[in-house]
N, C-alpha and C. Protein backbone atom coordinates (compact mmCIF):
# COMPACT_ATOMS: atom_id res chain seq x y z
N MET A 1 237.22 213.79 233.38
CA MET A 1 237.26 212.38 233.04
C MET A 1 237.71 212.24 231.58
N LEU A 2 238.76 211.46 231.38
CA LEU A 2 239.37 211.35 230.06
C LEU A 2 238.40 210.88 228.98
N GLU A 3 237.55 209.91 229.32
CA GLU A 3 236.70 209.29 228.31
C GLU A 3 235.70 210.26 227.68
N SER A 4 235.43 211.39 228.34
CA SER A 4 234.45 212.34 227.82
C SER A 4 235.07 213.39 226.90
N ARG A 5 236.36 213.34 226.68
CA ARG A 5 237.06 214.35 225.90
C ARG A 5 237.06 213.98 224.41
N TRP A 6 236.97 215.01 223.56
CA TRP A 6 237.09 214.81 222.11
C TRP A 6 238.41 214.12 221.79
N ALA A 7 239.49 214.55 222.42
CA ALA A 7 240.81 213.99 222.13
C ALA A 7 240.85 212.50 222.46
N TYR A 8 240.18 212.10 223.52
CA TYR A 8 240.15 210.68 223.89
C TYR A 8 239.45 209.87 222.80
N GLU A 9 238.29 210.35 222.38
CA GLU A 9 237.55 209.63 221.33
C GLU A 9 238.33 209.57 220.03
N CYS A 10 238.97 210.67 219.69
CA CYS A 10 239.78 210.72 218.47
C CYS A 10 240.95 209.73 218.57
N ALA A 11 241.67 209.78 219.68
CA ALA A 11 242.81 208.88 219.87
C ALA A 11 242.36 207.42 219.88
N ARG A 12 241.25 207.15 220.56
CA ARG A 12 240.76 205.77 220.62
C ARG A 12 240.42 205.26 219.22
N GLY A 13 239.78 206.10 218.43
CA GLY A 13 239.41 205.70 217.08
C GLY A 13 240.61 205.33 216.22
N TYR A 14 241.70 206.06 216.40
CA TYR A 14 242.89 205.82 215.58
C TYR A 14 243.88 204.84 216.21
N LEU A 15 243.92 204.78 217.55
CA LEU A 15 245.00 204.02 218.19
C LEU A 15 244.57 202.75 218.91
N ALA A 16 243.28 202.59 219.22
CA ALA A 16 242.85 201.38 219.94
C ALA A 16 243.28 200.10 219.22
N PRO A 17 243.24 200.06 217.88
CA PRO A 17 243.69 198.83 217.21
C PRO A 17 245.17 198.51 217.42
N LEU A 18 245.94 199.48 217.93
CA LEU A 18 247.37 199.27 218.10
C LEU A 18 247.73 198.69 219.47
N GLY A 19 246.73 198.31 220.27
CA GLY A 19 246.96 197.59 221.51
C GLY A 19 247.84 198.31 222.52
N ARG A 20 249.09 197.87 222.61
CA ARG A 20 250.00 198.41 223.61
C ARG A 20 250.20 199.92 223.44
N ARG A 21 250.23 200.41 222.24
CA ARG A 21 250.36 201.86 222.00
C ARG A 21 249.17 202.58 222.64
N TRP A 22 247.97 202.02 222.51
CA TRP A 22 246.78 202.62 223.11
C TRP A 22 246.88 202.59 224.63
N SER A 23 247.42 201.53 225.19
CA SER A 23 247.62 201.48 226.65
C SER A 23 248.56 202.59 227.10
N HIS A 24 249.64 202.78 226.36
CA HIS A 24 250.59 203.85 226.67
C HIS A 24 249.90 205.21 226.59
N VAL A 25 249.17 205.47 225.53
CA VAL A 25 248.53 206.77 225.33
C VAL A 25 247.51 207.05 226.43
N ARG A 26 246.71 206.07 226.80
CA ARG A 26 245.74 206.28 227.88
C ARG A 26 246.44 206.62 229.18
N ALA A 27 247.54 205.94 229.47
CA ALA A 27 248.29 206.22 230.70
C ALA A 27 248.93 207.60 230.67
N VAL A 28 249.49 207.99 229.52
CA VAL A 28 250.07 209.33 229.39
C VAL A 28 248.98 210.38 229.60
N GLY A 29 247.80 210.14 229.05
CA GLY A 29 246.68 211.06 229.25
C GLY A 29 246.27 211.15 230.71
N ALA A 30 246.26 210.02 231.41
CA ALA A 30 245.90 210.02 232.83
C ALA A 30 246.91 210.79 233.67
N VAL A 31 248.19 210.66 233.35
CA VAL A 31 249.22 211.42 234.06
C VAL A 31 249.03 212.91 233.80
N ALA A 32 248.79 213.26 232.55
CA ALA A 32 248.58 214.67 232.20
C ALA A 32 247.37 215.24 232.93
N GLU A 33 246.31 214.46 233.02
CA GLU A 33 245.11 214.92 233.72
C GLU A 33 245.42 215.19 235.19
N LYS A 34 246.26 214.36 235.77
CA LYS A 34 246.65 214.54 237.17
C LYS A 34 247.50 215.79 237.35
N LEU A 35 248.41 216.05 236.41
CA LEU A 35 249.33 217.19 236.51
C LEU A 35 248.71 218.50 236.05
N ALA A 36 247.72 218.44 235.20
CA ALA A 36 247.20 219.62 234.51
C ALA A 36 246.81 220.79 235.42
N PRO A 37 246.28 220.58 236.63
CA PRO A 37 245.96 221.74 237.47
C PRO A 37 247.16 222.65 237.74
N ALA A 38 248.35 222.14 237.67
CA ALA A 38 249.55 222.96 237.88
C ALA A 38 249.78 223.92 236.72
N PHE A 39 249.07 223.74 235.63
CA PHE A 39 249.29 224.54 234.42
C PHE A 39 248.14 225.48 234.10
N GLY A 40 247.27 225.71 235.05
CA GLY A 40 246.21 226.71 234.92
C GLY A 40 245.45 226.61 233.62
N GLY A 41 245.51 227.68 232.83
CA GLY A 41 244.77 227.76 231.57
C GLY A 41 245.19 226.73 230.54
N GLY A 42 246.33 226.08 230.74
CA GLY A 42 246.79 225.07 229.80
C GLY A 42 246.27 223.68 230.10
N PHE A 43 245.36 223.57 231.07
CA PHE A 43 244.85 222.27 231.51
C PHE A 43 244.38 221.42 230.33
N ASP A 44 243.41 221.93 229.58
CA ASP A 44 242.83 221.15 228.48
C ASP A 44 243.86 220.84 227.40
N LEU A 45 244.69 221.81 227.10
CA LEU A 45 245.70 221.62 226.05
C LEU A 45 246.68 220.51 226.41
N LEU A 46 247.13 220.47 227.65
CA LEU A 46 248.06 219.43 228.08
C LEU A 46 247.41 218.05 228.00
N VAL A 47 246.21 217.93 228.52
CA VAL A 47 245.53 216.62 228.52
C VAL A 47 245.26 216.16 227.09
N ASP A 48 244.76 217.06 226.26
CA ASP A 48 244.48 216.67 224.87
C ASP A 48 245.76 216.30 224.12
N ALA A 49 246.83 217.06 224.33
CA ALA A 49 248.10 216.73 223.67
C ALA A 49 248.62 215.38 224.13
N ALA A 50 248.47 215.08 225.41
CA ALA A 50 248.91 213.78 225.92
C ALA A 50 248.13 212.64 225.25
N LEU A 51 246.84 212.83 225.09
CA LEU A 51 246.02 211.80 224.46
C LEU A 51 246.31 211.64 222.97
N LEU A 52 246.78 212.71 222.34
CA LEU A 52 246.98 212.69 220.89
C LEU A 52 248.44 212.62 220.46
N HIS A 53 249.37 212.56 221.41
CA HIS A 53 250.79 212.69 221.05
C HIS A 53 251.28 211.60 220.10
N ASP A 54 250.70 210.42 220.15
CA ASP A 54 251.13 209.32 219.28
C ASP A 54 250.14 209.00 218.16
N ILE A 55 249.20 209.88 217.89
CA ILE A 55 248.17 209.59 216.90
C ILE A 55 248.75 209.35 215.50
N GLY A 56 249.92 209.91 215.24
CA GLY A 56 250.57 209.73 213.95
C GLY A 56 251.03 208.31 213.67
N TYR A 57 250.96 207.43 214.68
CA TYR A 57 251.26 206.02 214.45
C TYR A 57 250.12 205.29 213.75
N SER A 58 248.94 205.87 213.72
CA SER A 58 247.82 205.24 213.05
C SER A 58 248.14 205.03 211.57
N ALA A 59 247.88 203.83 211.08
CA ALA A 59 248.18 203.53 209.67
C ALA A 59 247.46 204.48 208.72
N SER A 60 246.28 204.93 209.11
CA SER A 60 245.52 205.81 208.22
C SER A 60 246.04 207.25 208.21
N LEU A 61 246.90 207.60 209.17
CA LEU A 61 247.48 208.95 209.22
C LEU A 61 248.96 208.97 208.88
N ALA A 62 249.59 207.81 208.89
CA ALA A 62 251.05 207.72 208.71
C ALA A 62 251.42 207.91 207.25
N THR A 63 251.61 209.15 206.85
CA THR A 63 251.96 209.43 205.46
C THR A 63 253.46 209.59 205.25
N SER A 64 254.16 210.09 206.27
CA SER A 64 255.60 210.32 206.12
C SER A 64 256.44 209.25 206.81
N GLY A 65 255.83 208.51 207.72
CA GLY A 65 256.58 207.54 208.51
C GLY A 65 257.22 208.14 209.74
N PHE A 66 257.02 209.42 209.98
CA PHE A 66 257.55 210.10 211.17
C PHE A 66 256.33 210.54 211.98
N HIS A 67 256.01 209.78 213.03
CA HIS A 67 254.72 209.94 213.69
C HIS A 67 254.45 211.32 214.28
N PRO A 68 255.44 212.05 214.82
CA PRO A 68 255.11 213.39 215.33
C PRO A 68 254.62 214.32 214.21
N ALA A 69 255.25 214.24 213.05
CA ALA A 69 254.83 215.08 211.92
C ALA A 69 253.46 214.66 211.40
N ASP A 70 253.25 213.36 211.26
CA ASP A 70 251.96 212.88 210.75
C ASP A 70 250.83 213.26 211.69
N GLY A 71 251.06 213.11 212.99
CA GLY A 71 250.04 213.51 213.97
C GLY A 71 249.79 215.00 213.96
N ALA A 72 250.87 215.78 213.91
CA ALA A 72 250.73 217.24 213.91
C ALA A 72 250.00 217.73 212.66
N ARG A 73 250.30 217.14 211.53
CA ARG A 73 249.62 217.55 210.28
C ARG A 73 248.13 217.23 210.34
N PHE A 74 247.80 216.09 210.91
CA PHE A 74 246.39 215.73 211.09
C PHE A 74 245.71 216.77 211.99
N LEU A 75 246.35 217.14 213.08
CA LEU A 75 245.75 218.10 214.01
C LEU A 75 245.63 219.49 213.38
N GLU A 76 246.62 219.88 212.60
CA GLU A 76 246.51 221.16 211.86
C GLU A 76 245.30 221.12 210.93
N ALA A 77 245.10 220.01 210.25
CA ALA A 77 243.96 219.88 209.34
C ALA A 77 242.63 219.94 210.09
N CYS A 78 242.66 219.58 211.38
CA CYS A 78 241.47 219.67 212.23
C CYS A 78 241.30 221.06 212.83
N GLY A 79 242.23 221.98 212.53
CA GLY A 79 242.16 223.33 213.07
C GLY A 79 242.72 223.46 214.48
N GLU A 80 243.53 222.51 214.90
CA GLU A 80 244.07 222.47 216.27
C GLU A 80 245.56 222.83 216.25
N HIS A 81 245.86 224.10 215.99
CA HIS A 81 247.24 224.54 215.82
C HIS A 81 248.09 224.33 217.07
N GLN A 82 247.61 224.75 218.23
CA GLN A 82 248.41 224.62 219.46
C GLN A 82 248.66 223.15 219.79
N LEU A 83 247.66 222.32 219.61
CA LEU A 83 247.84 220.88 219.81
C LEU A 83 248.87 220.33 218.83
N ALA A 84 248.79 220.78 217.60
CA ALA A 84 249.73 220.32 216.58
C ALA A 84 251.16 220.63 216.97
N LEU A 85 251.41 221.83 217.50
CA LEU A 85 252.77 222.20 217.91
C LEU A 85 253.27 221.32 219.04
N LEU A 86 252.42 221.04 220.02
CA LEU A 86 252.84 220.17 221.13
C LEU A 86 253.14 218.76 220.63
N VAL A 87 252.26 218.22 219.81
CA VAL A 87 252.46 216.87 219.28
C VAL A 87 253.71 216.81 218.40
N ALA A 88 253.92 217.84 217.60
CA ALA A 88 255.08 217.86 216.70
C ALA A 88 256.40 217.81 217.43
N HIS A 89 256.41 218.29 218.67
CA HIS A 89 257.68 218.40 219.39
C HIS A 89 257.75 217.55 220.65
N HIS A 90 256.80 216.62 220.84
CA HIS A 90 256.87 215.83 222.07
C HIS A 90 258.14 214.98 222.10
N SER A 91 258.72 214.92 223.28
CA SER A 91 259.87 214.06 223.55
C SER A 91 261.01 214.24 222.54
N GLY A 92 261.31 215.49 222.23
CA GLY A 92 262.46 215.80 221.40
C GLY A 92 262.32 215.46 219.93
N ALA A 93 261.11 215.47 219.41
CA ALA A 93 260.90 215.06 218.02
C ALA A 93 261.71 215.89 217.03
N ARG A 94 261.97 217.15 217.35
CA ARG A 94 262.75 217.98 216.41
C ARG A 94 264.17 217.45 216.27
N ILE A 95 264.70 216.82 217.32
CA ILE A 95 266.03 216.22 217.26
C ILE A 95 266.01 215.05 216.28
N GLU A 96 264.99 214.21 216.42
CA GLU A 96 264.86 213.08 215.50
C GLU A 96 264.63 213.55 214.07
N ALA A 97 263.84 214.61 213.90
CA ALA A 97 263.60 215.14 212.55
C ALA A 97 264.91 215.56 211.91
N ALA A 98 265.77 216.22 212.66
CA ALA A 98 267.08 216.64 212.13
C ALA A 98 267.92 215.43 211.75
N LEU A 99 267.93 214.40 212.61
CA LEU A 99 268.71 213.20 212.32
C LEU A 99 268.16 212.45 211.10
N ARG A 100 266.87 212.57 210.87
CA ARG A 100 266.25 211.93 209.70
C ARG A 100 266.44 212.76 208.43
N GLY A 101 266.99 213.96 208.58
CA GLY A 101 267.20 214.83 207.43
C GLY A 101 265.94 215.51 206.94
N ILE A 102 264.98 215.70 207.84
CA ILE A 102 263.73 216.37 207.47
C ILE A 102 263.97 217.87 207.52
N ASP A 103 264.06 218.48 206.37
CA ASP A 103 264.32 219.91 206.28
C ASP A 103 263.06 220.71 206.60
N GLY A 104 263.24 221.84 207.26
CA GLY A 104 262.15 222.76 207.52
C GLY A 104 261.17 222.34 208.59
N TYR A 105 261.53 221.34 209.40
CA TYR A 105 260.58 220.84 210.41
C TYR A 105 260.18 221.94 211.38
N CYS A 106 261.16 222.67 211.89
CA CYS A 106 260.85 223.73 212.85
C CYS A 106 260.27 224.97 212.18
N ASP A 107 260.38 225.07 210.86
CA ASP A 107 259.67 226.13 210.14
C ASP A 107 258.19 225.77 210.05
N GLU A 108 257.92 224.52 209.76
CA GLU A 108 256.53 224.07 209.68
C GLU A 108 255.88 224.05 211.06
N PHE A 109 256.63 223.59 212.05
CA PHE A 109 256.13 223.48 213.42
C PHE A 109 257.12 224.16 214.36
N PRO A 110 256.98 225.46 214.59
CA PRO A 110 257.93 226.15 215.48
C PRO A 110 257.92 225.56 216.89
N TRP A 111 259.13 225.38 217.42
CA TRP A 111 259.27 224.82 218.76
C TRP A 111 259.19 225.95 219.77
N CYS A 112 258.27 225.85 220.70
CA CYS A 112 258.03 226.92 221.67
C CYS A 112 258.74 226.69 223.00
N ASN A 113 259.06 225.44 223.33
CA ASN A 113 259.76 225.09 224.57
C ASN A 113 259.06 225.68 225.80
N THR A 114 257.76 225.51 225.86
CA THR A 114 256.96 226.02 226.97
C THR A 114 256.89 225.01 228.11
N ALA A 115 256.30 225.43 229.21
CA ALA A 115 256.07 224.51 230.33
C ALA A 115 255.19 223.34 229.88
N LEU A 116 254.26 223.59 228.96
CA LEU A 116 253.42 222.50 228.45
C LEU A 116 254.22 221.52 227.61
N ASP A 117 255.16 222.01 226.80
CA ASP A 117 256.05 221.11 226.04
C ASP A 117 256.81 220.20 227.01
N LYS A 118 257.33 220.80 228.06
CA LYS A 118 258.11 220.04 229.04
C LYS A 118 257.23 219.05 229.78
N ALA A 119 256.03 219.46 230.14
CA ALA A 119 255.12 218.56 230.85
C ALA A 119 254.71 217.38 229.98
N LEU A 120 254.46 217.62 228.69
CA LEU A 120 254.11 216.53 227.79
C LEU A 120 255.26 215.53 227.68
N THR A 121 256.48 216.04 227.60
CA THR A 121 257.65 215.16 227.57
C THR A 121 257.75 214.37 228.87
N PHE A 122 257.51 215.02 230.00
CA PHE A 122 257.51 214.32 231.29
C PHE A 122 256.49 213.18 231.27
N CYS A 123 255.27 213.48 230.86
CA CYS A 123 254.21 212.47 230.86
C CYS A 123 254.57 211.29 229.95
N ASP A 124 255.10 211.57 228.78
CA ASP A 124 255.45 210.53 227.82
C ASP A 124 256.65 209.71 228.28
N LEU A 125 257.69 210.40 228.71
CA LEU A 125 258.95 209.70 229.02
C LEU A 125 259.04 209.18 230.44
N THR A 126 257.93 209.24 231.19
CA THR A 126 257.88 208.55 232.49
C THR A 126 256.75 207.52 232.49
N THR A 127 256.35 207.11 231.29
CA THR A 127 255.31 206.10 231.12
C THR A 127 255.83 205.02 230.18
N SER A 128 255.77 203.78 230.64
CA SER A 128 256.27 202.67 229.83
C SER A 128 255.38 202.45 228.61
N PRO A 129 255.85 201.66 227.65
CA PRO A 129 255.01 201.36 226.48
C PRO A 129 253.68 200.70 226.84
N SER A 130 253.63 200.00 227.97
CA SER A 130 252.38 199.35 228.37
C SER A 130 251.58 200.19 229.36
N GLY A 131 252.10 201.38 229.72
CA GLY A 131 251.34 202.29 230.57
C GLY A 131 251.74 202.35 232.02
N GLU A 132 252.81 201.68 232.39
CA GLU A 132 253.26 201.69 233.78
C GLU A 132 254.16 202.90 234.04
N PRO A 133 254.15 203.43 235.28
CA PRO A 133 255.07 204.52 235.60
C PRO A 133 256.51 204.02 235.66
N MET A 134 257.41 204.84 235.20
CA MET A 134 258.84 204.52 235.27
C MET A 134 259.62 205.82 235.26
N SER A 135 260.88 205.75 235.64
CA SER A 135 261.70 206.96 235.64
C SER A 135 262.11 207.30 234.21
N LEU A 136 262.49 208.54 234.02
CA LEU A 136 263.00 208.98 232.72
C LEU A 136 264.15 208.09 232.27
N HIS A 137 265.08 207.81 233.17
CA HIS A 137 266.27 207.03 232.78
C HIS A 137 265.92 205.58 232.46
N GLU A 138 264.93 205.02 233.16
CA GLU A 138 264.46 203.68 232.81
C GLU A 138 263.82 203.69 231.42
N ARG A 139 263.05 204.72 231.14
CA ARG A 139 262.38 204.81 229.83
C ARG A 139 263.39 204.99 228.71
N VAL A 140 264.39 205.82 228.93
CA VAL A 140 265.44 205.99 227.92
C VAL A 140 266.14 204.66 227.68
N ALA A 141 266.47 203.94 228.75
CA ALA A 141 267.12 202.63 228.61
C ALA A 141 266.22 201.66 227.84
N GLU A 142 264.92 201.70 228.13
CA GLU A 142 263.97 200.83 227.43
C GLU A 142 263.94 201.14 225.94
N ILE A 143 263.94 202.42 225.59
CA ILE A 143 263.91 202.82 224.17
C ILE A 143 265.19 202.39 223.47
N LEU A 144 266.33 202.62 224.12
CA LEU A 144 267.61 202.21 223.52
C LEU A 144 267.66 200.71 223.31
N ASP A 145 267.15 199.96 224.28
CA ASP A 145 267.14 198.50 224.17
C ASP A 145 266.18 198.03 223.06
N ARG A 146 265.02 198.65 222.99
CA ARG A 146 264.01 198.24 222.02
C ARG A 146 264.45 198.52 220.58
N TYR A 147 265.07 199.67 220.36
CA TYR A 147 265.44 200.05 218.99
C TYR A 147 266.86 199.66 218.60
N GLY A 148 267.74 199.53 219.59
CA GLY A 148 269.15 199.30 219.28
C GLY A 148 269.87 200.63 219.13
N ALA A 149 271.10 200.68 219.59
CA ALA A 149 271.84 201.95 219.70
C ALA A 149 272.00 202.70 218.39
N ASP A 150 272.01 202.01 217.26
CA ASP A 150 272.26 202.68 215.98
C ASP A 150 271.00 203.22 215.30
N HIS A 151 269.84 202.87 215.82
CA HIS A 151 268.58 203.33 215.21
C HIS A 151 268.41 204.83 215.43
N VAL A 152 267.79 205.51 214.48
CA VAL A 152 267.61 206.96 214.56
C VAL A 152 266.81 207.36 215.80
N VAL A 153 265.84 206.56 216.20
CA VAL A 153 265.08 206.88 217.41
C VAL A 153 265.99 206.84 218.63
N ALA A 154 266.80 205.79 218.74
CA ALA A 154 267.71 205.67 219.87
C ALA A 154 268.73 206.81 219.88
N ARG A 155 269.26 207.14 218.72
CA ARG A 155 270.24 208.23 218.65
C ARG A 155 269.62 209.57 219.05
N SER A 156 268.39 209.80 218.66
CA SER A 156 267.75 211.07 219.02
C SER A 156 267.43 211.12 220.51
N ILE A 157 267.01 210.01 221.07
CA ILE A 157 266.72 209.96 222.51
C ILE A 157 268.01 210.16 223.31
N HIS A 158 269.06 209.52 222.87
CA HIS A 158 270.35 209.69 223.55
C HIS A 158 270.81 211.15 223.46
N SER A 159 270.72 211.74 222.29
CA SER A 159 271.12 213.14 222.10
C SER A 159 270.26 214.10 222.93
N GLY A 160 269.00 213.77 223.08
CA GLY A 160 268.08 214.66 223.79
C GLY A 160 268.05 214.49 225.29
N LEU A 161 268.79 213.52 225.83
CA LEU A 161 268.69 213.23 227.26
C LEU A 161 268.88 214.46 228.15
N PRO A 162 269.88 215.31 227.95
CA PRO A 162 269.99 216.49 228.83
C PRO A 162 268.74 217.38 228.77
N GLU A 163 268.19 217.54 227.59
CA GLU A 163 266.96 218.33 227.46
C GLU A 163 265.80 217.66 228.18
N PHE A 164 265.70 216.34 228.08
CA PHE A 164 264.62 215.61 228.74
C PHE A 164 264.77 215.69 230.25
N GLU A 165 266.01 215.59 230.73
CA GLU A 165 266.24 215.71 232.17
C GLU A 165 265.78 217.07 232.68
N GLU A 166 266.13 218.12 231.93
CA GLU A 166 265.72 219.47 232.34
C GLU A 166 264.21 219.61 232.29
N ALA A 167 263.58 219.11 231.24
CA ALA A 167 262.12 219.20 231.11
C ALA A 167 261.42 218.47 232.24
N CYS A 168 261.89 217.28 232.55
CA CYS A 168 261.26 216.48 233.61
C CYS A 168 261.49 217.11 234.98
N ALA A 169 262.69 217.62 235.21
CA ALA A 169 262.98 218.27 236.50
C ALA A 169 262.15 219.55 236.65
N ALA A 170 262.02 220.33 235.59
CA ALA A 170 261.21 221.55 235.65
C ALA A 170 259.74 221.22 235.92
N THR A 171 259.24 220.17 235.28
CA THR A 171 257.86 219.75 235.51
C THR A 171 257.68 219.25 236.92
N ALA A 172 258.63 218.46 237.41
CA ALA A 172 258.56 217.96 238.79
C ALA A 172 258.52 219.11 239.79
N ALA A 173 259.30 220.15 239.53
CA ALA A 173 259.31 221.32 240.42
C ALA A 173 257.95 222.02 240.41
N LEU A 174 257.36 222.18 239.23
CA LEU A 174 256.04 222.82 239.14
C LEU A 174 254.97 222.03 239.87
N ILE A 175 254.98 220.73 239.69
CA ILE A 175 253.92 219.94 240.33
C ILE A 175 254.14 219.85 241.84
N GLU A 176 255.40 219.92 242.27
CA GLU A 176 255.66 219.94 243.71
C GLU A 176 255.10 221.22 244.33
N VAL A 177 255.35 222.36 243.69
CA VAL A 177 254.81 223.64 244.17
C VAL A 177 253.28 223.59 244.21
N ALA A 178 252.68 222.93 243.24
CA ALA A 178 251.22 222.83 243.18
C ALA A 178 250.67 221.79 244.16
N GLY A 179 251.55 221.04 244.82
CA GLY A 179 251.11 220.03 245.78
C GLY A 179 250.51 218.80 245.14
N ILE A 180 250.89 218.52 243.91
CA ILE A 180 250.38 217.35 243.19
C ILE A 180 251.35 216.19 243.39
N GLU A 181 250.81 215.06 243.80
CA GLU A 181 251.65 213.89 244.01
C GLU A 181 251.55 212.96 242.81
N VAL A 182 252.70 212.44 242.41
CA VAL A 182 252.75 211.43 241.35
C VAL A 182 253.51 210.23 241.89
N GLU A 183 253.45 209.14 241.15
CA GLU A 183 254.15 207.94 241.55
C GLU A 183 255.64 208.25 241.70
N PRO A 184 256.26 207.79 242.80
CA PRO A 184 257.69 208.07 243.02
C PRO A 184 258.58 207.61 241.86
N ALA A 185 258.20 206.55 241.16
CA ALA A 185 259.02 206.06 240.04
C ALA A 185 259.22 207.14 238.99
N ARG A 186 258.21 207.98 238.79
CA ARG A 186 258.31 209.03 237.77
C ARG A 186 259.35 210.09 238.11
N LEU A 187 259.64 210.24 239.39
CA LEU A 187 260.54 211.30 239.85
C LEU A 187 261.95 210.80 240.12
N ALA A 188 262.17 209.50 240.06
CA ALA A 188 263.47 208.92 240.40
C ALA A 188 264.58 209.53 239.56
N GLY A 189 265.62 209.98 240.24
CA GLY A 189 266.80 210.51 239.57
C GLY A 189 266.73 211.97 239.21
N LEU A 190 265.56 212.59 239.33
CA LEU A 190 265.43 213.99 238.92
C LEU A 190 266.00 214.96 239.95
N ASP A 191 266.22 214.49 241.17
CA ASP A 191 266.78 215.37 242.20
C ASP A 191 268.22 215.76 241.88
N ARG A 192 268.86 215.06 240.97
CA ARG A 192 270.24 215.36 240.59
C ARG A 192 270.33 216.34 239.42
N VAL A 193 269.20 216.73 238.88
CA VAL A 193 269.18 217.56 237.68
C VAL A 193 268.93 219.02 238.06
N ALA A 194 269.79 219.89 237.61
CA ALA A 194 269.60 221.33 237.85
C ALA A 194 268.54 221.87 236.90
N VAL A 195 267.69 222.71 237.44
CA VAL A 195 266.62 223.31 236.62
C VAL A 195 266.98 224.75 236.30
């Protein structure tokens, strides 16, 4: 149950005042909890990362203005190194870091590109800002529309689309093998992606 987790309480404390962001985070956490049995020993890590992936948006943690880095640094300070790495790289954050000119990002937070990294991206990029399920391509379109094509976030999402497609397709394949069902909207369009 999500509400009994340390990560849930931590995320709620920092993100509940942000309204829609908190709705998104709770939904991403719920998706991760549903998928987590497919990841064996990574169950807790995936669920906690999903709940904490946007914690860097909290005004009290936002020191650099780049939420994956701010969240990851907070988690490192809490002694949560593996969580910090997942949060630092959710949904292609290293691509955005490069576009922002942030030097040494992958030195500070090495990108592991694990099944958990891919699953976290799946959970985030198949959940709308208000917490509804949607396809990866719908979510990418929503982000591009919300930010505008020239914004650094939109450019990084556009650049990362092939990586996101592969991550989501790989996660879909794992959960299918595990016999886990998710909302069909989350899987739309992934049958065309080679893994």
